[in-house]
Amino acid sequence: MTDPARWGLLAWQAGWVFTLRSMDLWAKPDGAGAELTRMALEKQKAFSDGLFAAGRAAMAGAGPEAVMAAAARPAQRRVSANLRTLRRGKG
């Protein structure tokens, strides 16, 4: 993920996921507590997976760009998967 356009795509996708999820929570507030908890745990897992991936890349001697890409990859995959799910209306 060293290409600046990929960082832009991640930011755009994350913004859409946030917007679509917010609208869904607003429309169905009765399940918001459980959904917010699930989303928080999902992010915690993506960030911890990224932390370990970055550590592995650094210990393998990768350069800073490769370490950063390894750190971002789990979050990027999760955001992309969330956006695909939300676009299908299964949010």
PDB file of N, CA and C in Angstrom:
ATOM      1  N   MET A   1       0.832  -1.180   0.000  1.00  0.00           N
ATOM      2  CA  MET A   1       0.000   0.000   0.000  1.00  0.00           C
ATOM      3  C   MET A   1       0.882   1.251   0.000  1.00  0.00           C
ATOM      4  N   THR A   2       1.875   1.255  -0.821  1.00  0.00           N
ATOM      5  CA  THR A   2       2.775   2.397  -0.889  1.00  0.00           C
ATOM      6  C   THR A   2       2.278   3.453  -1.870  1.00  0.00           C
ATOM      7  N   ASP A   3       1.360   3.113  -2.728  1.00  0.00           N
ATOM      8  CA  ASP A   3       0.815   4.039  -3.712  1.00  0.00           C
ATOM      9  C   ASP A   3      -0.132   5.028  -3.032  1.00  0.00           C
ATOM     10  N   PRO A   4       0.099   6.338  -3.191  1.00  0.00           N
ATOM     11  CA  PRO A   4      -0.775   7.325  -2.556  1.00  0.00           C
ATOM     12  C   PRO A   4      -2.247   7.165  -2.953  1.00  0.00           C
ATOM     13  N   ALA A   5      -2.508   6.712  -4.153  1.00  0.00           N
ATOM     14  CA  ALA A   5      -3.902   6.530  -4.586  1.00  0.00           C
ATOM     15  C   ALA A   5      -4.606   5.469  -3.740  1.00  0.00           C
ATOM     16  N   ARG A   6      -3.867   4.464  -3.304  1.00  0.00           N
ATOM     17  CA  ARG A   6      -4.477   3.426  -2.457  1.00  0.00           C
ATOM     18  C   ARG A   6      -4.866   3.984  -1.094  1.00  0.00           C
ATOM     19  N   TRP A   7      -4.049   4.922  -0.575  1.00  0.00           N
ATOM     20  CA  TRP A   7      -4.407   5.557   0.701  1.00  0.00           C
ATOM     21  C   TRP A   7      -5.664   6.406   0.519  1.00  0.00           C
ATOM     22  N   GLY A   8      -5.751   7.068  -0.613  1.00  0.00           N
ATOM     23  CA  GLY A   8      -6.940   7.851  -0.915  1.00  0.00           C
ATOM     24  C   GLY A   8      -8.179   6.973  -1.024  1.00  0.00           C
ATOM     25  N   LEU A   9      -8.024   5.816  -1.682  1.00  0.00           N
ATOM     26  CA  LEU A   9      -9.138   4.880  -1.802  1.00  0.00           C
ATOM     27  C   LEU A   9      -9.569   4.378  -0.430  1.00  0.00           C
ATOM     28  N   LEU A  10      -8.611   4.051   0.418  1.00  0.00           N
ATOM     29  CA  LEU A  10      -8.942   3.597   1.774  1.00  0.00           C
ATOM     30  C   LEU A  10      -9.713   4.679   2.528  1.00  0.00           C
ATOM     31  N   ALA A  11      -9.271   5.919   2.431  1.00  0.00           N
ATOM     32  CA  ALA A  11      -9.957   7.015   3.114  1.00  0.00           C
ATOM     33  C   ALA A  11     -11.380   7.177   2.574  1.00  0.00           C
ATOM     34  N   TRP A  12     -11.541   7.094   1.261  1.00  0.00           N
ATOM     35  CA  TRP A  12     -12.864   7.223   0.656  1.00  0.00           C
ATOM     36  C   TRP A  12     -13.779   6.085   1.101  1.00  0.00           C
ATOM     37  N   GLN A  13     -13.268   4.863   1.056  1.00  0.00           N
ATOM     38  CA  GLN A  13     -14.069   3.707   1.467  1.00  0.00           C
ATOM     39  C   GLN A  13     -14.447   3.796   2.943  1.00  0.00           C
ATOM     40  N   ALA A  14     -13.500   4.180   3.784  1.00  0.00           N
ATOM     41  CA  ALA A  14     -13.780   4.295   5.221  1.00  0.00           C
ATOM     42  C   ALA A  14     -14.863   5.343   5.476  1.00  0.00           C
ATOM     43  N   GLY A  15     -14.822   6.437   4.746  1.00  0.00           N
ATOM     44  CA  GLY A  15     -15.843   7.463   4.883  1.00  0.00           C
ATOM     45  C   GLY A  15     -17.223   6.954   4.502  1.00  0.00           C
ATOM     46  N   TRP A  16     -17.281   6.179   3.420  1.00  0.00           N
ATOM     47  CA  TRP A  16     -18.574   5.616   3.003  1.00  0.00           C
ATOM     48  C   TRP A  16     -19.082   4.584   4.003  1.00  0.00           C
ATOM     49  N   VAL A  17     -18.197   3.759   4.504  1.00  0.00           N
ATOM     50  CA  VAL A  17     -18.613   2.772   5.506  1.00  0.00           C
ATOM     51  C   VAL A  17     -19.165   3.494   6.729  1.00  0.00           C
ATOM     52  N   PHE A  18     -18.476   4.525   7.175  1.00  0.00           N
ATOM     53  CA  PHE A  18     -18.936   5.290   8.333  1.00  0.00           C
ATOM     54  C   PHE A  18     -20.313   5.901   8.059  1.00  0.00           C
ATOM     55  N   THR A  19     -20.474   6.503   6.890  1.00  0.00           N
ATOM     56  CA  THR A  19     -21.747   7.135   6.533  1.00  0.00           C
ATOM     57  C   THR A  19     -22.889   6.122   6.471  1.00  0.00           C
ATOM     58  N   LEU A  20     -22.675   5.019   5.761  1.00  0.00           N
ATOM     59  CA  LEU A  20     -23.729   4.019   5.612  1.00  0.00           C
ATOM     60  C   LEU A  20     -24.079   3.357   6.943  1.00  0.00           C
ATOM     61  N   ARG A  21     -23.058   3.068   7.747  1.00  0.00           N
ATOM     62  CA  ARG A  21     -23.328   2.472   9.056  1.00  0.00           C
ATOM     63  C   ARG A  21     -24.061   3.450   9.968  1.00  0.00           C
ATOM     64  N   SER A  22     -23.686   4.717   9.916  1.00  0.00           N
ATOM     65  CA  SER A  22     -24.350   5.730  10.742  1.00  0.00           C
ATOM     66  C   SER A  22     -25.820   5.853  10.373  1.00  0.00           C
ATOM     67  N   MET A  23     -26.099   5.848   9.076  1.00  0.00           N
ATOM     68  CA  MET A  23     -27.492   5.932   8.625  1.00  0.00           C
ATOM     69  C   MET A  23     -28.278   4.707   9.087  1.00  0.00           C
ATOM     70  N   ASP A  24     -27.665   3.546   9.032  1.00  0.00           N
ATOM     71  CA  ASP A  24     -28.331   2.324   9.458  1.00  0.00           C
ATOM     72  C   ASP A  24     -28.616   2.347  10.959  1.00  0.00           C
ATOM     73  N   LEU A  25     -27.658   2.797  11.738  1.00  0.00           N
ATOM     74  CA  LEU A  25     -27.857   2.893  13.189  1.00  0.00           C
ATOM     75  C   LEU A  25     -28.937   3.907  13.531  1.00  0.00           C
ATOM     76  N   TRP A  26     -28.978   4.996  12.801  1.00  0.00           N
ATOM     77  CA  TRP A  26     -29.987   6.015  13.030  1.00  0.00           C
ATOM     78  C   TRP A  26     -31.375   5.473  12.709  1.00  0.00           C
ATOM     79  N   ALA A  27     -31.460   4.667  11.638  1.00  0.00           N
ATOM     80  CA  ALA A  27     -32.752   4.120  11.214  1.00  0.00           C
ATOM     81  C   ALA A  27     -33.236   2.994  12.126  1.00  0.00           C
ATOM     82  N   LYS A  28     -32.296   2.281  12.767  1.00  0.00           N
ATOM     83  CA  LYS A  28     -32.654   1.140  13.629  1.00  0.00           C
ATOM     84  C   LYS A  28     -31.955   1.260  14.979  1.00  0.00           C
ATOM     85  N   PRO A  29     -32.381   2.222  15.800  1.00  0.00           N
ATOM     86  CA  PRO A  29     -31.673   2.464  17.054  1.00  0.00           C
ATOM     87  C   PRO A  29     -31.822   1.342  18.085  1.00  0.00           C
ATOM     88  N   ASP A  30     -32.815   0.483  17.940  1.00  0.00           N
ATOM     89  CA  ASP A  30     -33.025  -0.567  18.934  1.00  0.00           C
ATOM     90  C   ASP A  30     -31.859  -1.557  19.002  1.00  0.00           C
ATOM     91  N   GLY A  31     -31.139  -1.758  17.916  1.00  0.00           N
ATOM     92  CA  GLY A  31     -30.000  -2.678  17.916  1.00  0.00           C
ATOM     93  C   GLY A  31     -28.657  -1.980  17.902  1.00  0.00           C
ATOM     94  N   ALA A  32     -28.671  -0.668  18.140  1.00  0.00           N
ATOM     95  CA  ALA A  32     -27.440   0.115  18.014  1.00  0.00           C
ATOM     96  C   ALA A  32     -26.364  -0.287  19.015  1.00  0.00           C
ATOM     97  N   GLY A  33     -26.740  -0.598  20.239  1.00  0.00           N
ATOM     98  CA  GLY A  33     -25.735  -0.939  21.252  1.00  0.00           C
ATOM     99  C   GLY A  33     -24.911  -2.146  20.870  1.00  0.00           C
ATOM    100  N   ALA A  34     -25.582  -3.205  20.463  1.00  0.00           N
ATOM    101  CA  ALA A  34     -24.866  -4.422  20.072  1.00  0.00           C
ATOM    102  C   ALA A  34     -24.046  -4.190  18.808  1.00  0.00           C
ATOM    103  N   GLU A  35     -24.593  -3.432  17.872  1.00  0.00           N
ATOM    104  CA  GLU A  35     -23.874  -3.174  16.618  1.00  0.00           C
ATOM    105  C   GLU A  35     -22.646  -2.310  16.856  1.00  0.00           C
ATOM    106  N   LEU A  36     -22.766  -1.305  17.704  1.00  0.00           N
ATOM    107  CA  LEU A  36     -21.602  -0.468  18.016  1.00  0.00           C
ATOM    108  C   LEU A  36     -20.511  -1.275  18.707  1.00  0.00           C
ATOM    109  N   THR A  37     -20.896  -2.176  19.590  1.00  0.00           N
ATOM    110  CA  THR A  37     -19.916  -3.044  20.250  1.00  0.00           C
ATOM    111  C   THR A  37     -19.216  -3.930  19.227  1.00  0.00           C
ATOM    112  N   ARG A  38     -19.989  -4.520  18.316  1.00  0.00           N
ATOM    113  CA  ARG A  38     -19.406  -5.377  17.285  1.00  0.00           C
ATOM    114  C   ARG A  38     -18.436  -4.596  16.405  1.00  0.00           C
ATOM    115  N   MET A  39     -18.825  -3.375  16.033  1.00  0.00           N
ATOM    116  CA  MET A  39     -17.950  -2.558  15.188  1.00  0.00           C
ATOM    117  C   MET A  39     -16.656  -2.191  15.919  1.00  0.00           C
ATOM    118  N   ALA A  40     -16.766  -1.867  17.204  1.00  0.00           N
ATOM    119  CA  ALA A  40     -15.564  -1.518  17.973  1.00  0.00           C
ATOM    120  C   ALA A  40     -14.616  -2.706  18.066  1.00  0.00           C
ATOM    121  N   LEU A  41     -15.159  -3.886  18.302  1.00  0.00           N
ATOM    122  CA  LEU A  41     -14.307  -5.084  18.386  1.00  0.00           C
ATOM    123  C   LEU A  41     -13.678  -5.413  17.031  1.00  0.00           C
ATOM    124  N   GLU A  42     -14.418  -5.184  15.970  1.00  0.00           N
ATOM    125  CA  GLU A  42     -13.896  -5.416  14.621  1.00  0.00           C
ATOM    126  C   GLU A  42     -12.693  -4.511  14.347  1.00  0.00           C
ATOM    127  N   LYS A  43     -12.796  -3.258  14.749  1.00  0.00           N
ATOM    128  CA  LYS A  43     -11.690  -2.326  14.543  1.00  0.00           C
ATOM    129  C   LYS A  43     -10.492  -2.682  15.421  1.00  0.00           C
ATOM    130  N   GLN A  44     -10.761  -3.078  16.652  1.00  0.00           N
ATOM    131  CA  GLN A  44      -9.675  -3.475  17.550  1.00  0.00           C
ATOM    132  C   GLN A  44      -8.907  -4.648  16.959  1.00  0.00           C
ATOM    133  N   LYS A  45      -9.618  -5.624  16.402  1.00  0.00           N
ATOM    134  CA  LYS A  45      -8.955  -6.774  15.806  1.00  0.00           C
ATOM    135  C   LYS A  45      -8.134  -6.371  14.583  1.00  0.00           C
ATOM    136  N   ALA A  46      -8.693  -5.524  13.720  1.00  0.00           N
ATOM    137  CA  ALA A  46      -7.965  -5.088  12.527  1.00  0.00           C
ATOM    138  C   ALA A  46      -6.685  -4.344  12.917  1.00  0.00           C
ATOM    139  N   PHE A  47      -6.779  -3.464  13.914  1.00  0.00           N
ATOM    140  CA  PHE A  47      -5.592  -2.719  14.323  1.00  0.00           C
ATOM    141  C   PHE A  47      -4.557  -3.606  15.007  1.00  0.00           C
ATOM    142  N   SER A  48      -4.988  -4.552  15.820  1.00  0.00           N
ATOM    143  CA  SER A  48      -4.007  -5.445  16.447  1.00  0.00           C
ATOM    144  C   SER A  48      -3.387  -6.373  15.404  1.00  0.00           C
ATOM    145  N   ASP A  49      -4.173  -6.833  14.429  1.00  0.00           N
ATOM    146  CA  ASP A  49      -3.599  -7.626  13.335  1.00  0.00           C
ATOM    147  C   ASP A  49      -2.568  -6.809  12.568  1.00  0.00           C
ATOM    148  N   GLY A  50      -2.866  -5.531  12.351  1.00  0.00           N
ATOM    149  CA  GLY A  50      -1.919  -4.646  11.670  1.00  0.00           C
ATOM    150  C   GLY A  50      -0.656  -4.425  12.474  1.00  0.00           C
ATOM    151  N   LEU A  51      -0.798  -4.304  13.780  1.00  0.00           N
ATOM    152  CA  LEU A  51       0.365  -4.129  14.648  1.00  0.00           C
ATOM    153  C   LEU A  51       1.299  -5.333  14.547  1.00  0.00           C
ATOM    154  N   PHE A  52       0.730  -6.524  14.618  1.00  0.00           N
ATOM    155  CA  PHE A  52       1.557  -7.726  14.538  1.00  0.00           C
ATOM    156  C   PHE A  52       2.166  -7.892  13.145  1.00  0.00           C
ATOM    157  N   ALA A  53       1.403  -7.552  12.103  1.00  0.00           N
ATOM    158  CA  ALA A  53       1.938  -7.649  10.740  1.00  0.00           C
ATOM    159  C   ALA A  53       3.098  -6.672  10.546  1.00  0.00           C
ATOM    160  N   ALA A  54       2.961  -5.481  11.089  1.00  0.00           N
ATOM    161  CA  ALA A  54       4.044  -4.500  11.000  1.00  0.00           C
ATOM    162  C   ALA A  54       5.274  -4.987  11.756  1.00  0.00           C
ATOM    163  N   GLY A  55       5.061  -5.556  12.917  1.00  0.00           N
ATOM    164  CA  GLY A  55       6.185  -6.097  13.693  1.00  0.00           C
ATOM    165  C   GLY A  55       6.907  -7.206  12.953  1.00  0.00           C
ATOM    166  N   ARG A  56       6.129  -8.110  12.346  1.00  0.00           N
ATOM    167  CA  ARG A  56       6.752  -9.192  11.574  1.00  0.00           C
ATOM    168  C   ARG A  56       7.548  -8.639  10.401  1.00  0.00           C
ATOM    169  N   ALA A  57       6.975  -7.647   9.703  1.00  0.00           N
ATOM    170  CA  ALA A  57       7.666  -7.056   8.555  1.00  0.00           C
ATOM    171  C   ALA A  57       8.951  -6.354   9.003  1.00  0.00           C
ATOM    172  N   ALA A  58       8.886  -5.626  10.110  1.00  0.00           N
ATOM    173  CA  ALA A  58      10.072  -4.927  10.614  1.00  0.00           C
ATOM    174  C   ALA A  58      11.149  -5.912  11.042  1.00  0.00           C
ATOM    175  N   MET A  59      10.747  -6.978  11.723  1.00  0.00           N
ATOM    176  CA  MET A  59      11.737  -7.962  12.169  1.00  0.00           C
ATOM    177  C   MET A  59      12.338  -8.730  10.996  1.00  0.00           C
ATOM    178  N   ALA A  60      11.620  -8.775   9.876  1.00  0.00           N
ATOM    179  CA  ALA A  60      12.147  -9.433   8.678  1.00  0.00           C
ATOM    180  C   ALA A  60      13.054  -8.497   7.888  1.00  0.00           C
ATOM    181  N   GLY A  61      13.197  -7.255   8.352  1.00  0.00           N
ATOM    182  CA  GLY A  61      14.094  -6.314   7.702  1.00  0.00           C
ATOM    183  C   GLY A  61      13.450  -5.483   6.606  1.00  0.00           C
ATOM    184  N   ALA A  62      12.135  -5.449   6.554  1.00  0.00           N
ATOM    185  CA  ALA A  62      11.449  -4.664   5.528  1.00  0.00           C
ATOM    186  C   ALA A  62      11.670  -3.174   5.765  1.00  0.00           C
ATOM    187  N   GLY A  63      11.589  -2.421   4.699  1.00  0.00           N
ATOM    188  CA  GLY A  63      11.728  -0.971   4.783  1.00  0.00           C
ATOM    189  C   GLY A  63      10.476  -0.335   5.366  1.00  0.00           C
ATOM    190  N   PRO A  64      10.566   0.958   5.679  1.00  0.00           N
ATOM    191  CA  PRO A  64       9.440   1.655   6.301  1.00  0.00           C
ATOM    192  C   PRO A  64       8.136   1.589   5.491  1.00  0.00           C
ATOM    193  N   GLU A  65       8.222   1.712   4.178  1.00  0.00           N
ATOM    194  CA  GLU A  65       7.004   1.663   3.361  1.00  0.00           C
ATOM    195  C   GLU A  65       6.342   0.289   3.438  1.00  0.00           C
ATOM    196  N   ALA A  66       7.141  -0.760   3.435  1.00  0.00           N
ATOM    197  CA  ALA A  66       6.595  -2.120   3.515  1.00  0.00           C
ATOM    198  C   ALA A  66       6.005  -2.392   4.897  1.00  0.00           C
ATOM    199  N   VAL A  67       6.634  -1.854   5.928  1.00  0.00           N
ATOM    200  CA  VAL A  67       6.104  -2.011   7.292  1.00  0.00           C
ATOM    201  C   VAL A  67       4.760  -1.295   7.398  1.00  0.00           C
ATOM    202  N   MET A  68       4.687  -0.082   6.862  1.00  0.00           N
ATOM    203  CA  MET A  68       3.428   0.674   6.889  1.00  0.00           C
ATOM    204  C   MET A  68       2.344  -0.047   6.091  1.00  0.00           C
ATOM    205  N   ALA A  69       2.693  -0.590   4.948  1.00  0.00           N
ATOM    206  CA  ALA A  69       1.722  -1.323   4.137  1.00  0.00           C
ATOM    207  C   ALA A  69       1.214  -2.551   4.886  1.00  0.00           C
ATOM    208  N   ALA A  70       2.111  -3.252   5.552  1.00  0.00           N
ATOM    209  CA  ALA A  70       1.708  -4.432   6.332  1.00  0.00           C
ATOM    210  C   ALA A  70       0.778  -4.028   7.474  1.00  0.00           C
ATOM    211  N   ALA A  71       1.068  -2.890   8.083  1.00  0.00           N
ATOM    212  CA  ALA A  71       0.229  -2.416   9.191  1.00  0.00           C
ATOM    213  C   ALA A  71      -1.173  -2.054   8.719  1.00  0.00           C
ATOM    214  N   ALA A  72      -1.275  -1.496   7.543  1.00  0.00           N
ATOM    215  CA  ALA A  72      -2.567  -1.023   7.042  1.00  0.00           C
ATOM    216  C   ALA A  72      -3.395  -2.120   6.376  1.00  0.00           C
ATOM    217  N   ARG A  73      -2.764  -3.183   5.924  1.00  0.00           N
ATOM    218  CA  ARG A  73      -3.464  -4.203   5.137  1.00  0.00           C
ATOM    219  C   ARG A  73      -4.698  -4.805   5.829  1.00  0.00           C
ATOM    220  N   PRO A  74      -4.626  -5.199   7.108  1.00  0.00           N
ATOM    221  CA  PRO A  74      -5.833  -5.761   7.738  1.00  0.00           C
ATOM    222  C   PRO A  74      -7.005  -4.771   7.801  1.00  0.00           C
ATOM    223  N   ALA A  75      -6.733  -3.526   8.105  1.00  0.00           N
ATOM    224  CA  ALA A  75      -7.802  -2.529   8.161  1.00  0.00           C
ATOM    225  C   ALA A  75      -8.371  -2.283   6.765  1.00  0.00           C
ATOM    226  N   GLN A  76      -7.494  -2.245   5.769  1.00  0.00           N
ATOM    227  CA  GLN A  76      -7.951  -2.018   4.398  1.00  0.00           C
ATOM    228  C   GLN A  76      -8.847  -3.156   3.930  1.00  0.00           C
ATOM    229  N   ARG A  77      -8.473  -4.389   4.239  1.00  0.00           N
ATOM    230  CA  ARG A  77      -9.308  -5.536   3.852  1.00  0.00           C
ATOM    231  C   ARG A  77     -10.664  -5.476   4.542  1.00  0.00           C
ATOM    232  N   ARG A  78     -10.676  -5.111   5.821  1.00  0.00           N
ATOM    233  CA  ARG A  78     -11.929  -5.050   6.574  1.00  0.00           C
ATOM    234  C   ARG A  78     -12.837  -3.950   6.035  1.00  0.00           C
ATOM    235  N   VAL A  79     -12.263  -2.776   5.758  1.00  0.00           N
ATOM    236  CA  VAL A  79     -13.049  -1.664   5.221  1.00  0.00           C
ATOM    237  C   VAL A  79     -13.638  -2.043   3.866  1.00  0.00           C
ATOM    238  N   SER A  80     -12.840  -2.657   3.010  1.00  0.00           N
ATOM    239  CA  SER A  80     -13.332  -3.070   1.689  1.00  0.00           C
ATOM    240  C   SER A  80     -14.463  -4.085   1.819  1.00  0.00           C
ATOM    241  N   ALA A  81     -14.306  -5.044   2.713  1.00  0.00           N
ATOM    242  CA  ALA A  81     -15.339  -6.061   2.915  1.00  0.00           C
ATOM    243  C   ALA A  81     -16.614  -5.423   3.468  1.00  0.00           C
ATOM    244  N   ASN A  82     -16.471  -4.494   4.399  1.00  0.00           N
ATOM    245  CA  ASN A  82     -17.639  -3.808   4.959  1.00  0.00           C
ATOM    246  C   ASN A  82     -18.381  -3.026   3.884  1.00  0.00           C
ATOM    247  N   LEU A  83     -17.635  -2.348   3.023  1.00  0.00           N
ATOM    248  CA  LEU A  83     -18.273  -1.560   1.971  1.00  0.00           C
ATOM    249  C   LEU A  83     -19.031  -2.474   0.988  1.00  0.00           C
ATOM    250  N   ARG A  84     -18.431  -3.587   0.633  1.00  0.00           N
ATOM    251  CA  ARG A  84     -19.131  -4.537  -0.254  1.00  0.00           C
ATOM    252  C   ARG A  84     -20.426  -5.020   0.381  1.00  0.00           C
ATOM    253  N   THR A  85     -20.369  -5.363   1.654  1.00  0.00           N
ATOM    254  CA  THR A  85     -21.562  -5.831   2.367  1.00  0.00           C
ATOM    255  C   THR A  85     -22.629  -4.741   2.423  1.00  0.00           C
ATOM    256  N   LEU A  86     -22.233  -3.526   2.750  1.00  0.00           N
ATOM    257  CA  LEU A  86     -23.189  -2.433   2.857  1.00  0.00           C
ATOM    258  C   LEU A  86     -23.800  -2.084   1.507  1.00  0.00           C
ATOM    259  N   ARG A  87     -23.021  -2.155   0.453  1.00  0.00           N
ATOM    260  CA  ARG A  87     -23.553  -1.868  -0.885  1.00  0.00           C
ATOM    261  C   ARG A  87     -24.618  -2.881  -1.294  1.00  0.00           C
ATOM    262  N   ARG A  88     -24.503  -4.095  -0.806  1.00  0.00           N
ATOM    263  CA  ARG A  88     -25.505  -5.119  -1.111  1.00  0.00           C
ATOM    264  C   ARG A  88     -26.738  -4.983  -0.228  1.00  0.00           C
ATOM    265  N   GLY A  89     -26.683  -4.065   0.729  1.00  0.00           N
ATOM    266  CA  GLY A  89     -27.826  -3.830   1.590  1.00  0.00           C
ATOM    267  C   GLY A  89     -27.940  -4.773   2.756  1.00  0.00           C
ATOM    268  N   LYS A  90     -26.826  -5.385   3.147  1.00  0.00           N
ATOM    269  CA  LYS A  90     -26.845  -6.331   4.259  1.00  0.00           C
ATOM    270  C   LYS A  90     -26.173  -5.757   5.491  1.00  0.00           C
ATOM    271  N   GLY A  91     -26.088  -4.426   5.565  1.00  0.00           N
ATOM    272  CA  GLY A  91     -25.360  -3.729   6.599  1.00  0.00           C
ATOM    273  C   GLY A  91     -25.724  -4.090   7.968  1.00  0.00           C
TER     274      GLY A  91
END
